[in-house]
Amino acid sequence: MKLIALYRQPANPEEFDQAYFNTHLPLIAQVPGLQRTVVTRVARTLTGDGFYMMAEMHFADADALKNGLRSPEMAEAGKNLNSFAEGLVTLMYGNEEQSAVNPAPGSTIPSSAS
């Protein structure tokens, strides 16, 4: 299970990066149950709105994510995030359904409609 944060282009990328990497990520690292965080800088948006960065925060399962979201550490990280990225972030969570780029012959990609 993972929490995903999509960040739109900030007005001042240098200030955003300073706040994000030097303050926000260390706060996120303290969230209970967080296994790892992967940050991706968006080189180019091919369709839709332009995004600056994506962060994926991985948890073992839905309960671990729920506990992490309800923790004082996440509340502090959220307060910090609002101090420099209010209006820039879209948050969502979900499970990875398919990780393989080329599924094995005969395998099927899971459908959310079933």
PDB file of N, CA and C in Angstrom:
ATOM      1  N   MET A   1       0.863  -1.162   0.000  1.00  0.00           N
ATOM      2  CA  MET A   1       0.000   0.000   0.000  1.00  0.00           C
ATOM      3  C   MET A   1       0.909   1.224   0.000  1.00  0.00           C
ATOM      4  N   LYS A   2       0.515   2.223  -0.768  1.00  0.00           N
ATOM      5  CA  LYS A   2       1.344   3.423  -0.773  1.00  0.00           C
ATOM      6  C   LYS A   2       0.506   4.685  -0.833  1.00  0.00           C
ATOM      7  N   LEU A   3       1.061   5.712  -0.232  1.00  0.00           N
ATOM      8  CA  LEU A   3       0.524   7.060  -0.279  1.00  0.00           C
ATOM      9  C   LEU A   3       1.321   7.790  -1.355  1.00  0.00           C
ATOM     10  N   ILE A   4       0.623   8.436  -2.277  1.00  0.00           N
ATOM     11  CA  ILE A   4       1.277   9.120  -3.392  1.00  0.00           C
ATOM     12  C   ILE A   4       0.975  10.610  -3.305  1.00  0.00           C
ATOM     13  N   ALA A   5       2.007  11.415  -3.451  1.00  0.00           N
ATOM     14  CA  ALA A   5       1.861  12.873  -3.475  1.00  0.00           C
ATOM     15  C   ALA A   5       2.362  13.375  -4.822  1.00  0.00           C
ATOM     16  N   LEU A   6       1.486  14.061  -5.558  1.00  0.00           N
ATOM     17  CA  LEU A   6       1.859  14.690  -6.825  1.00  0.00           C
ATOM     18  C   LEU A   6       1.945  16.189  -6.596  1.00  0.00           C
ATOM     19  N   TYR A   7       3.076  16.767  -6.952  1.00  0.00           N
ATOM     20  CA  TYR A   7       3.313  18.195  -6.728  1.00  0.00           C
ATOM     21  C   TYR A   7       3.318  18.938  -8.054  1.00  0.00           C
ATOM     22  N   ARG A   8       2.526  19.998  -8.135  1.00  0.00           N
ATOM     23  CA  ARG A   8       2.552  20.880  -9.291  1.00  0.00           C
ATOM     24  C   ARG A   8       3.798  21.774  -9.223  1.00  0.00           C
ATOM     25  N   GLN A   9       4.089  22.422 -10.312  1.00  0.00           N
ATOM     26  CA  GLN A   9       5.271  23.282 -10.412  1.00  0.00           C
ATOM     27  C   GLN A   9       5.199  24.421  -9.395  1.00  0.00           C
ATOM     28  N   PRO A  10       6.164  24.518  -8.486  1.00  0.00           N
ATOM     29  CA  PRO A  10       6.170  25.636  -7.536  1.00  0.00           C
ATOM     30  C   PRO A  10       6.674  26.918  -8.202  1.00  0.00           C
ATOM     31  N   ALA A  11       6.293  28.052  -7.633  1.00  0.00           N
ATOM     32  CA  ALA A  11       6.739  29.347  -8.153  1.00  0.00           C
ATOM     33  C   ALA A  11       8.255  29.481  -8.046  1.00  0.00           C
ATOM     34  N   ASN A  12       8.825  28.966  -6.954  1.00  0.00           N
ATOM     35  CA  ASN A  12      10.267  29.033  -6.741  1.00  0.00           C
ATOM     36  C   ASN A  12      10.778  27.626  -6.437  1.00  0.00           C
ATOM     37  N   PRO A  13      11.227  26.891  -7.457  1.00  0.00           N
ATOM     38  CA  PRO A  13      11.670  25.517  -7.250  1.00  0.00           C
ATOM     39  C   PRO A  13      12.807  25.363  -6.235  1.00  0.00           C
ATOM     40  N   GLU A  14      13.726  26.319  -6.196  1.00  0.00           N
ATOM     41  CA  GLU A  14      14.841  26.214  -5.247  1.00  0.00           C
ATOM     42  C   GLU A  14      14.349  26.281  -3.805  1.00  0.00           C
ATOM     43  N   GLU A  15      13.442  27.201  -3.512  1.00  0.00           N
ATOM     44  CA  GLU A  15      12.882  27.301  -2.160  1.00  0.00           C
ATOM     45  C   GLU A  15      12.061  26.063  -1.820  1.00  0.00           C
ATOM     46  N   PHE A  16      11.287  25.582  -2.779  1.00  0.00           N
ATOM     47  CA  PHE A  16      10.498  24.371  -2.572  1.00  0.00           C
ATOM     48  C   PHE A  16      11.416  23.197  -2.226  1.00  0.00           C
ATOM     49  N   ASP A  17      12.457  22.991  -3.042  1.00  0.00           N
ATOM     50  CA  ASP A  17      13.386  21.878  -2.806  1.00  0.00           C
ATOM     51  C   ASP A  17      14.047  21.980  -1.441  1.00  0.00           C
ATOM     52  N   GLN A  18      14.445  23.180  -1.063  1.00  0.00           N
ATOM     53  CA  GLN A  18      15.077  23.391   0.247  1.00  0.00           C
ATOM     54  C   GLN A  18      14.133  22.933   1.356  1.00  0.00           C
ATOM     55  N   ALA A  19      12.889  23.389   1.312  1.00  0.00           N
ATOM     56  CA  ALA A  19      11.911  23.029   2.343  1.00  0.00           C
ATOM     57  C   ALA A  19      11.569  21.545   2.279  1.00  0.00           C
ATOM     58  N   TYR A  20      11.418  21.015   1.082  1.00  0.00           N
ATOM     59  CA  TYR A  20      10.999  19.622   0.924  1.00  0.00           C
ATOM     60  C   TYR A  20      12.082  18.653   1.386  1.00  0.00           C
ATOM     61  N   PHE A  21      13.283  18.798   0.852  1.00  0.00           N
ATOM     62  CA  PHE A  21      14.329  17.816   1.129  1.00  0.00           C
ATOM     63  C   PHE A  21      14.997  18.010   2.488  1.00  0.00           C
ATOM     64  N   ASN A  22      15.111  19.246   2.957  1.00  0.00           N
ATOM     65  CA  ASN A  22      15.813  19.491   4.218  1.00  0.00           C
ATOM     66  C   ASN A  22      14.919  19.422   5.445  1.00  0.00           C
ATOM     67  N   THR A  23      13.614  19.648   5.279  1.00  0.00           N
ATOM     68  CA  THR A  23      12.711  19.652   6.434  1.00  0.00           C
ATOM     69  C   THR A  23      11.609  18.606   6.311  1.00  0.00           C
ATOM     70  N   HIS A  24      10.898  18.614   5.180  1.00  0.00           N
ATOM     71  CA  HIS A  24       9.721  17.743   5.059  1.00  0.00           C
ATOM     72  C   HIS A  24      10.084  16.257   5.023  1.00  0.00           C
ATOM     73  N   LEU A  25      11.021  15.856   4.183  1.00  0.00           N
ATOM     74  CA  LEU A  25      11.365  14.432   4.107  1.00  0.00           C
ATOM     75  C   LEU A  25      11.865  13.865   5.429  1.00  0.00           C
ATOM     76  N   PRO A  26      12.688  14.584   6.193  1.00  0.00           N
ATOM     77  CA  PRO A  26      13.062  14.056   7.512  1.00  0.00           C
ATOM     78  C   PRO A  26      11.856  13.869   8.443  1.00  0.00           C
ATOM     79  N   LEU A  27      10.846  14.729   8.337  1.00  0.00           N
ATOM     80  CA  LEU A  27       9.629  14.545   9.138  1.00  0.00           C
ATOM     81  C   LEU A  27       8.866  13.310   8.674  1.00  0.00           C
ATOM     82  N   ILE A  28       8.746  13.124   7.367  1.00  0.00           N
ATOM     83  CA  ILE A  28       8.055  11.951   6.815  1.00  0.00           C
ATOM     84  C   ILE A  28       8.763  10.666   7.239  1.00  0.00           C
ATOM     85  N   ALA A  29      10.081  10.695   7.299  1.00  0.00           N
ATOM     86  CA  ALA A  29      10.846   9.499   7.676  1.00  0.00           C
ATOM     87  C   ALA A  29      10.503   9.009   9.076  1.00  0.00           C
ATOM     88  N   GLN A  30       9.937   9.861   9.914  1.00  0.00           N
ATOM     89  CA  GLN A  30       9.586   9.494  11.288  1.00  0.00           C
ATOM     90  C   GLN A  30       8.191   8.881  11.410  1.00  0.00           C
ATOM     91  N   VAL A  31       7.416   8.839  10.328  1.00  0.00           N
ATOM     92  CA  VAL A  31       6.047   8.309  10.380  1.00  0.00           C
ATOM     93  C   VAL A  31       6.089   6.810  10.673  1.00  0.00           C
ATOM     94  N   PRO A  32       5.358   6.361  11.695  1.00  0.00           N
ATOM     95  CA  PRO A  32       5.348   4.937  12.034  1.00  0.00           C
ATOM     96  C   PRO A  32       4.819   4.087  10.874  1.00  0.00           C
ATOM     97  N   GLY A  33       5.491   2.972  10.626  1.00  0.00           N
ATOM     98  CA  GLY A  33       5.061   2.034   9.598  1.00  0.00           C
ATOM     99  C   GLY A  33       5.565   2.336   8.202  1.00  0.00           C
ATOM    100  N   LEU A  34       6.173   3.496   8.006  1.00  0.00           N
ATOM    101  CA  LEU A  34       6.697   3.840   6.684  1.00  0.00           C
ATOM    102  C   LEU A  34       7.899   2.958   6.385  1.00  0.00           C
ATOM    103  N   GLN A  35       7.850   2.240   5.268  1.00  0.00           N
ATOM    104  CA  GLN A  35       8.950   1.353   4.893  1.00  0.00           C
ATOM    105  C   GLN A  35       9.997   2.057   4.043  1.00  0.00           C
ATOM    106  N   ARG A  36       9.532   2.874   3.118  1.00  0.00           N
ATOM    107  CA  ARG A  36      10.467   3.625   2.269  1.00  0.00           C
ATOM    108  C   ARG A  36       9.709   4.716   1.540  1.00  0.00           C
ATOM    109  N   THR A  37      10.450   5.706   1.094  1.00  0.00           N
ATOM    110  CA  THR A  37       9.894   6.792   0.295  1.00  0.00           C
ATOM    111  C   THR A  37      10.712   6.904  -0.984  1.00  0.00           C
ATOM    112  N   VAL A  38      10.026   6.994  -2.109  1.00  0.00           N
ATOM    113  CA  VAL A  38      10.681   7.160  -3.405  1.00  0.00           C
ATOM    114  C   VAL A  38      10.218   8.497  -3.980  1.00  0.00           C
ATOM    115  N   VAL A  39      11.167   9.372  -4.281  1.00  0.00           N
ATOM    116  CA  VAL A  39      10.857  10.687  -4.853  1.00  0.00           C
ATOM    117  C   VAL A  39      11.315  10.693  -6.308  1.00  0.00           C
ATOM    118  N   THR A  40      10.421  11.110  -7.193  1.00  0.00           N
ATOM    119  CA  THR A  40      10.719  11.190  -8.623  1.00  0.00           C
ATOM    120  C   THR A  40      10.524  12.622  -9.085  1.00  0.00           C
ATOM    121  N   ARG A  41      11.560  13.197  -9.667  1.00  0.00           N
ATOM    122  CA  ARG A  41      11.421  14.519 -10.289  1.00  0.00           C
ATOM    123  C   ARG A  41      10.852  14.296 -11.688  1.00  0.00           C
ATOM    124  N   VAL A  42       9.808  15.010 -12.013  1.00  0.00           N
ATOM    125  CA  VAL A  42       9.181  14.866 -13.322  1.00  0.00           C
ATOM    126  C   VAL A  42      10.000  15.658 -14.337  1.00  0.00           C
ATOM    127  N   ALA A  43      10.530  14.961 -15.331  1.00  0.00           N
ATOM    128  CA  ALA A  43      11.328  15.625 -16.358  1.00  0.00           C
ATOM    129  C   ALA A  43      10.434  16.353 -17.357  1.00  0.00           C
ATOM    130  N   ARG A  44       9.283  15.732 -17.641  1.00  0.00           N
ATOM    131  CA  ARG A  44       8.363  16.328 -18.616  1.00  0.00           C
ATOM    132  C   ARG A  44       7.000  15.673 -18.446  1.00  0.00           C
ATOM    133  N   THR A  45       5.956  16.472 -18.472  1.00  0.00           N
ATOM    134  CA  THR A  45       4.596  15.948 -18.430  1.00  0.00           C
ATOM    135  C   THR A  45       4.105  15.842 -19.865  1.00  0.00           C
ATOM    136  N   LEU A  46       3.720  14.642 -20.278  1.00  0.00           N
ATOM    137  CA  LEU A  46       3.314  14.426 -21.663  1.00  0.00           C
ATOM    138  C   LEU A  46       1.864  14.813 -21.922  1.00  0.00           C
ATOM    139  N   THR A  47       0.991  14.605 -20.945  1.00  0.00           N
ATOM    140  CA  THR A  47      -0.414  14.997 -21.085  1.00  0.00           C
ATOM    141  C   THR A  47      -0.901  15.550 -19.759  1.00  0.00           C
ATOM    142  N   GLY A  48      -1.941  16.330 -19.784  1.00  0.00           N
ATOM    143  CA  GLY A  48      -2.528  16.847 -18.551  1.00  0.00           C
ATOM    144  C   GLY A  48      -1.713  17.967 -17.942  1.00  0.00           C
ATOM    145  N   ASP A  49      -2.005  18.221 -16.674  1.00  0.00           N
ATOM    146  CA  ASP A  49      -1.331  19.292 -15.941  1.00  0.00           C
ATOM    147  C   ASP A  49       0.152  18.985 -15.775  1.00  0.00           C
ATOM    148  N   GLY A  50       0.956  20.044 -15.726  1.00  0.00           N
ATOM    149  CA  GLY A  50       2.382  19.875 -15.510  1.00  0.00           C
ATOM    150  C   GLY A  50       2.686  19.582 -14.050  1.00  0.00           C
ATOM    151  N   PHE A  51       3.449  18.550 -13.800  1.00  0.00           N
ATOM    152  CA  PHE A  51       3.841  18.207 -12.439  1.00  0.00           C
ATOM    153  C   PHE A  51       5.337  18.393 -12.270  1.00  0.00           C
ATOM    154  N   TYR A  52       5.729  18.687 -11.056  1.00  0.00           N
ATOM    155  CA  TYR A  52       7.120  18.945 -10.703  1.00  0.00           C
ATOM    156  C   TYR A  52       7.773  17.697 -10.118  1.00  0.00           C
ATOM    157  N   MET A  53       7.008  17.006  -9.257  1.00  0.00           N
ATOM    158  CA  MET A  53       7.600  15.909  -8.518  1.00  0.00           C
ATOM    159  C   MET A  53       6.508  14.957  -8.040  1.00  0.00           C
ATOM    160  N   MET A  54       6.911  13.701  -7.787  1.00  0.00           N
ATOM    161  CA  MET A  54       6.015  12.706  -7.217  1.00  0.00           C
ATOM    162  C   MET A  54       6.751  12.014  -6.081  1.00  0.00           C
ATOM    163  N   ALA A  55       6.051  11.808  -4.971  1.00  0.00           N
ATOM    164  CA  ALA A  55       6.615  11.050  -3.852  1.00  0.00           C
ATOM    165  C   ALA A  55       5.706   9.861  -3.584  1.00  0.00           C
ATOM    166  N   GLU A  56       6.305   8.688  -3.437  1.00  0.00           N
ATOM    167  CA  GLU A  56       5.574   7.470  -3.110  1.00  0.00           C
ATOM    168  C   GLU A  56       6.062   6.981  -1.755  1.00  0.00           C
ATOM    169  N   MET A  57       5.149   6.923  -0.797  1.00  0.00           N
ATOM    170  CA  MET A  57       5.469   6.478   0.557  1.00  0.00           C
ATOM    171  C   MET A  57       4.869   5.093   0.759  1.00  0.00           C
ATOM    172  N   HIS A  58       5.729   4.094   0.905  1.00  0.00           N
ATOM    173  CA  HIS A  58       5.316   2.693   0.942  1.00  0.00           C
ATOM    174  C   HIS A  58       5.086   2.205   2.374  1.00  0.00           C
ATOM    175  N   PHE A  59       3.965   1.498   2.553  1.00  0.00           N
ATOM    176  CA  PHE A  59       3.593   0.884   3.825  1.00  0.00           C
ATOM    177  C   PHE A  59       3.297  -0.591   3.573  1.00  0.00           C
ATOM    178  N   ALA A  60       3.402  -1.422   4.605  1.00  0.00           N
ATOM    179  CA  ALA A  60       3.205  -2.865   4.457  1.00  0.00           C
ATOM    180  C   ALA A  60       1.794  -3.217   3.999  1.00  0.00           C
ATOM    181  N   ASP A  61       0.801  -2.523   4.528  1.00  0.00           N
ATOM    182  CA  ASP A  61      -0.591  -2.842   4.208  1.00  0.00           C
ATOM    183  C   ASP A  61      -1.486  -1.660   4.568  1.00  0.00           C
ATOM    184  N   ALA A  62      -2.791  -1.841   4.369  1.00  0.00           N
ATOM    185  CA  ALA A  62      -3.748  -0.756   4.615  1.00  0.00           C
ATOM    186  C   ALA A  62      -3.761  -0.324   6.072  1.00  0.00           C
ATOM    187  N   ASP A  63      -3.631  -1.274   6.998  1.00  0.00           N
ATOM    188  CA  ASP A  63      -3.621  -0.915   8.419  1.00  0.00           C
ATOM    189  C   ASP A  63      -2.400  -0.074   8.774  1.00  0.00           C
ATOM    190  N   ALA A  64      -1.245  -0.442   8.227  1.00  0.00           N
ATOM    191  CA  ALA A  64      -0.030   0.333   8.489  1.00  0.00           C
ATOM    192  C   ALA A  64      -0.171   1.751   7.934  1.00  0.00           C
ATOM    193  N   LEU A  65      -0.755   1.863   6.747  1.00  0.00           N
ATOM    194  CA  LEU A  65      -0.979   3.189   6.166  1.00  0.00           C
ATOM    195  C   LEU A  65      -1.946   3.990   7.027  1.00  0.00           C
ATOM    196  N   LYS A  66      -3.043   3.367   7.441  1.00  0.00           N
ATOM    197  CA  LYS A  66      -4.042   4.055   8.267  1.00  0.00           C
ATOM    198  C   LYS A  66      -3.413   4.552   9.568  1.00  0.00           C
ATOM    199  N   ASN A  67      -2.623   3.696  10.206  1.00  0.00           N
ATOM    200  CA  ASN A  67      -1.962   4.098  11.453  1.00  0.00           C
ATOM    201  C   ASN A  67      -0.963   5.220  11.216  1.00  0.00           C
ATOM    202  N   GLY A  68      -0.232   5.143  10.115  1.00  0.00           N
ATOM    203  CA  GLY A  68       0.710   6.206   9.784  1.00  0.00           C
ATOM    204  C   GLY A  68       0.013   7.531   9.539  1.00  0.00           C
ATOM    205  N   LEU A  69      -1.113   7.486   8.812  1.00  0.00           N
ATOM    206  CA  LEU A  69      -1.858   8.714   8.518  1.00  0.00           C
ATOM    207  C   LEU A  69      -2.430   9.356   9.771  1.00  0.00           C
ATOM    208  N   ARG A  70      -2.757   8.541  10.759  1.00  0.00           N
ATOM    209  CA  ARG A  70      -3.353   9.047  12.002  1.00  0.00           C
ATOM    210  C   ARG A  70      -2.319   9.434  13.059  1.00  0.00           C
ATOM    211  N   SER A  71      -1.056   9.260  12.752  1.00  0.00           N
ATOM    212  CA  SER A  71      -0.007   9.486  13.748  1.00  0.00           C
ATOM    213  C   SER A  71       0.300  10.971  13.946  1.00  0.00           C
ATOM    214  N   PRO A  72       0.800  11.325  15.133  1.00  0.00           N
ATOM    215  CA  PRO A  72       1.243  12.706  15.370  1.00  0.00           C
ATOM    216  C   PRO A  72       2.376  13.114  14.423  1.00  0.00           C
ATOM    217  N   GLU A  73       3.203  12.139  14.035  1.00  0.00           N
ATOM    218  CA  GLU A  73       4.307  12.430  13.121  1.00  0.00           C
ATOM    219  C   GLU A  73       3.785  12.868  11.753  1.00  0.00           C
ATOM    220  N   MET A  74       2.723  12.197  11.277  1.00  0.00           N
ATOM    221  CA  MET A  74       2.144  12.584   9.986  1.00  0.00           C
ATOM    222  C   MET A  74       1.436  13.930  10.108  1.00  0.00           C
ATOM    223  N   ALA A  75       0.812  14.183  11.248  1.00  0.00           N
ATOM    224  CA  ALA A  75       0.166  15.484  11.460  1.00  0.00           C
ATOM    225  C   ALA A  75       1.203  16.602  11.389  1.00  0.00           C
ATOM    226  N   GLU A  76       2.347  16.382  11.989  1.00  0.00           N
ATOM    227  CA  GLU A  76       3.423  17.380  11.951  1.00  0.00           C
ATOM    228  C   GLU A  76       3.949  17.555  10.525  1.00  0.00           C
ATOM    229  N   ALA A  77       4.116  16.441   9.805  1.00  0.00           N
ATOM    230  CA  ALA A  77       4.581  16.517   8.417  1.00  0.00           C
ATOM    231  C   ALA A  77       3.562  17.252   7.551  1.00  0.00           C
ATOM    232  N   GLY A  78       2.279  17.012   7.783  1.00  0.00           N
ATOM    233  CA  GLY A  78       1.230  17.699   7.028  1.00  0.00           C
ATOM    234  C   GLY A  78       1.223  19.192   7.291  1.00  0.00           C
ATOM    235  N   LYS A  79       1.397  19.560   8.548  1.00  0.00           N
ATOM    236  CA  LYS A  79       1.468  20.984   8.911  1.00  0.00           C
ATOM    237  C   LYS A  79       2.663  21.637   8.213  1.00  0.00           C
ATOM    238  N   ASN A  80       3.784  20.933   8.220  1.00  0.00           N
ATOM    239  CA  ASN A  80       4.971  21.443   7.542  1.00  0.00           C
ATOM    240  C   ASN A  80       4.726  21.583   6.045  1.00  0.00           C
ATOM    241  N   LEU A  81       4.111  20.580   5.436  1.00  0.00           N
ATOM    242  CA  LEU A  81       3.848  20.616   3.999  1.00  0.00           C
ATOM    243  C   LEU A  81       2.999  21.830   3.625  1.00  0.00           C
ATOM    244  N   ASN A  82       1.979  22.097   4.415  1.00  0.00           N
ATOM    245  CA  ASN A  82       1.116  23.252   4.141  1.00  0.00           C
ATOM    246  C   ASN A  82       1.853  24.577   4.248  1.00  0.00           C
ATOM    247  N   SER A  83       2.958  24.599   4.978  1.00  0.00           N
ATOM    248  CA  SER A  83       3.704  25.845   5.147  1.00  0.00           C
ATOM    249  C   SER A  83       4.448  26.268   3.879  1.00  0.00           C
ATOM    250  N   PHE A  84       4.697  25.316   2.957  1.00  0.00           N
ATOM    251  CA  PHE A  84       5.422  25.689   1.746  1.00  0.00           C
ATOM    252  C   PHE A  84       4.799  25.152   0.452  1.00  0.00           C
ATOM    253  N   ALA A  85       3.827  24.245   0.554  1.00  0.00           N
ATOM    254  CA  ALA A  85       3.280  23.632  -0.661  1.00  0.00           C
ATOM    255  C   ALA A  85       1.758  23.650  -0.714  1.00  0.00           C
ATOM    256  N   GLU A  86       1.131  24.516   0.066  1.00  0.00           N
ATOM    257  CA  GLU A  86      -0.328  24.575   0.055  1.00  0.00           C
ATOM    258  C   GLU A  86      -0.823  24.896  -1.357  1.00  0.00           C
ATOM    259  N   GLY A  87      -1.766  24.107  -1.838  1.00  0.00           N
ATOM    260  CA  GLY A  87      -2.306  24.297  -3.174  1.00  0.00           C
ATOM    261  C   GLY A  87      -1.493  23.658  -4.283  1.00  0.00           C
ATOM    262  N   LEU A  88      -0.347  23.070  -3.944  1.00  0.00           N
ATOM    263  CA  LEU A  88       0.515  22.458  -4.960  1.00  0.00           C
ATOM    264  C   LEU A  88       0.432  20.941  -4.986  1.00  0.00           C
ATOM    265  N   VAL A  89      -0.164  20.332  -3.979  1.00  0.00           N
ATOM    266  CA  VAL A  89      -0.073  18.878  -3.831  1.00  0.00           C
ATOM    267  C   VAL A  89      -1.434  18.207  -3.958  1.00  0.00           C
ATOM    268  N   THR A  90      -1.428  17.058  -4.621  1.00  0.00           N
ATOM    269  CA  THR A  90      -2.579  16.160  -4.683  1.00  0.00           C
ATOM    270  C   THR A  90      -2.148  14.859  -4.024  1.00  0.00           C
ATOM    271  N   LEU A  91      -2.913  14.406  -3.022  1.00  0.00           N
ATOM    272  CA  LEU A  91      -2.593  13.174  -2.305  1.00  0.00           C
ATOM    273  C   LEU A  91      -3.581  12.081  -2.678  1.00  0.00           C
ATOM    274  N   MET A  92      -3.086  10.844  -2.775  1.00  0.00           N
ATOM    275  CA  MET A  92      -3.928   9.680  -3.046  1.00  0.00           C
ATOM    276  C   MET A  92      -3.234   8.450  -2.475  1.00  0.00           C
ATOM    277  N   TYR A  93      -3.976   7.375  -2.306  1.00  0.00           N
ATOM    278  CA  TYR A  93      -3.332   6.139  -1.894  1.00  0.00           C
ATOM    279  C   TYR A  93      -3.927   4.967  -2.649  1.00  0.00           C
ATOM    280  N   GLY A  94      -3.152   3.878  -2.723  1.00  0.00           N
ATOM    281  CA  GLY A  94      -3.620   2.692  -3.429  1.00  0.00           C
ATOM    282  C   GLY A  94      -2.603   1.572  -3.364  1.00  0.00           C
ATOM    283  N   ASN A  95      -2.964   0.457  -3.984  1.00  0.00           N
ATOM    284  CA  ASN A  95      -2.102  -0.721  -4.076  1.00  0.00           C
ATOM    285  C   ASN A  95      -1.539  -0.832  -5.477  1.00  0.00           C
ATOM    286  N   GLU A  96      -0.330  -1.347  -5.586  1.00  0.00           N
ATOM    287  CA  GLU A  96       0.207  -1.672  -6.900  1.00  0.00           C
ATOM    288  C   GLU A  96      -0.480  -2.945  -7.364  1.00  0.00           C
ATOM    289  N   GLU A  97      -1.062  -2.916  -8.544  1.00  0.00           N
ATOM    290  CA  GLU A  97      -1.754  -4.076  -9.089  1.00  0.00           C
ATOM    291  C   GLU A  97      -0.864  -4.878 -10.023  1.00  0.00           C
ATOM    292  N   GLN A  98      -0.009  -4.185 -10.754  1.00  0.00           N
ATOM    293  CA  GLN A  98       0.829  -4.840 -11.743  1.00  0.00           C
ATOM    294  C   GLN A  98       2.184  -4.162 -11.730  1.00  0.00           C
ATOM    295  N   SER A  99       3.230  -4.929 -11.430  1.00  0.00           N
ATOM    296  CA  SER A  99       4.566  -4.358 -11.378  1.00  0.00           C
ATOM    297  C   SER A  99       5.395  -4.700 -12.606  1.00  0.00           C
ATOM    298  N   ALA A 100       5.095  -5.838 -13.245  1.00  0.00           N
ATOM    299  CA  ALA A 100       5.905  -6.287 -14.370  1.00  0.00           C
ATOM    300  C   ALA A 100       5.598  -5.473 -15.619  1.00  0.00           C
ATOM    301  N   VAL A 101       6.641  -5.033 -16.297  1.00  0.00           N
ATOM    302  CA  VAL A 101       6.466  -4.304 -17.546  1.00  0.00           C
ATOM    303  C   VAL A 101       5.931  -5.254 -18.614  1.00  0.00           C
ATOM    304  N   ASN A 102       6.503  -6.427 -18.678  1.00  0.00           N
ATOM    305  CA  ASN A 102       6.076  -7.445 -19.636  1.00  0.00           C
ATOM    306  C   ASN A 102       5.578  -8.651 -18.859  1.00  0.00           C
ATOM    307  N   PRO A 103       4.255  -8.780 -18.668  1.00  0.00           N
ATOM    308  CA  PRO A 103       3.735  -9.913 -17.903  1.00  0.00           C
ATOM    309  C   PRO A 103       4.115 -11.237 -18.549  1.00  0.00           C
ATOM    310  N   ALA A 104       4.214 -12.265 -17.738  1.00  0.00           N
ATOM    311  CA  ALA A 104       4.533 -13.598 -18.237  1.00  0.00           C
ATOM    312  C   ALA A 104       3.446 -14.060 -19.203  1.00  0.00           C
ATOM    313  N   PRO A 105       3.823 -14.844 -20.209  1.00  0.00           N
ATOM    314  CA  PRO A 105       2.814 -15.353 -21.145  1.00  0.00           C
ATOM    315  C   PRO A 105       1.696 -16.076 -20.391  1.00  0.00           C
ATOM    316  N   GLY A 106       0.467 -15.793 -20.776  1.00  0.00           N
ATOM    317  CA  GLY A 106      -0.676 -16.449 -20.148  1.00  0.00           C
ATOM    318  C   GLY A 106      -1.197 -15.750 -18.911  1.00  0.00           C
ATOM    319  N   SER A 107      -0.443 -14.765 -18.379  1.00  0.00           N
ATOM    320  CA  SER A 107      -0.922 -14.051 -17.191  1.00  0.00           C
ATOM    321  C   SER A 107      -1.845 -12.924 -17.631  1.00  0.00           C
ATOM    322  N   THR A 108      -2.649 -12.459 -16.704  1.00  0.00           N
ATOM    323  CA  THR A 108      -3.579 -11.379 -17.023  1.00  0.00           C
ATOM    324  C   THR A 108      -3.332 -10.204 -16.097  1.00  0.00           C
ATOM    325  N   ILE A 109      -3.642  -9.030 -16.576  1.00  0.00           N
ATOM    326  CA  ILE A 109      -3.532  -7.822 -15.763  1.00  0.00           C
ATOM    327  C   ILE A 109      -4.822  -7.688 -14.973  1.00  0.00           C
ATOM    328  N   PRO A 110      -4.735  -7.501 -13.645  1.00  0.00           N
ATOM    329  CA  PRO A 110      -5.954  -7.384 -12.834  1.00  0.00           C
ATOM    330  C   PRO A 110      -6.823  -6.230 -13.301  1.00  0.00           C
ATOM    331  N   SER A 111      -8.117  -6.439 -13.230  1.00  0.00           N
ATOM    332  CA  SER A 111      -9.074  -5.411 -13.620  1.00  0.00           C
ATOM    333  C   SER A 111      -9.833  -4.945 -12.401  1.00  0.00           C
ATOM    334  N   SER A 112      -9.998  -3.632 -12.252  1.00  0.00           N
ATOM    335  CA  SER A 112     -10.752  -3.104 -11.120  1.00  0.00           C
ATOM    336  C   SER A 112     -12.243  -3.316 -11.316  1.00  0.00           C
ATOM    337  N   ALA A 113     -12.655  -3.686 -12.519  1.00  0.00           N
ATOM    338  CA  ALA A 113     -14.074  -3.896 -12.803  1.00  0.00           C
ATOM    339  C   ALA A 113     -14.565  -5.258 -12.325  1.00  0.00           C
ATOM    340  N   SER A 114     -13.648  -6.177 -12.031  1.00  0.00           N
ATOM    341  CA  SER A 114     -14.085  -7.521 -11.628  1.00  0.00           C
ATOM    342  C   SER A 114     -14.344  -7.633 -10.157  1.00  0.00           C
TER     343      SER A 114
END
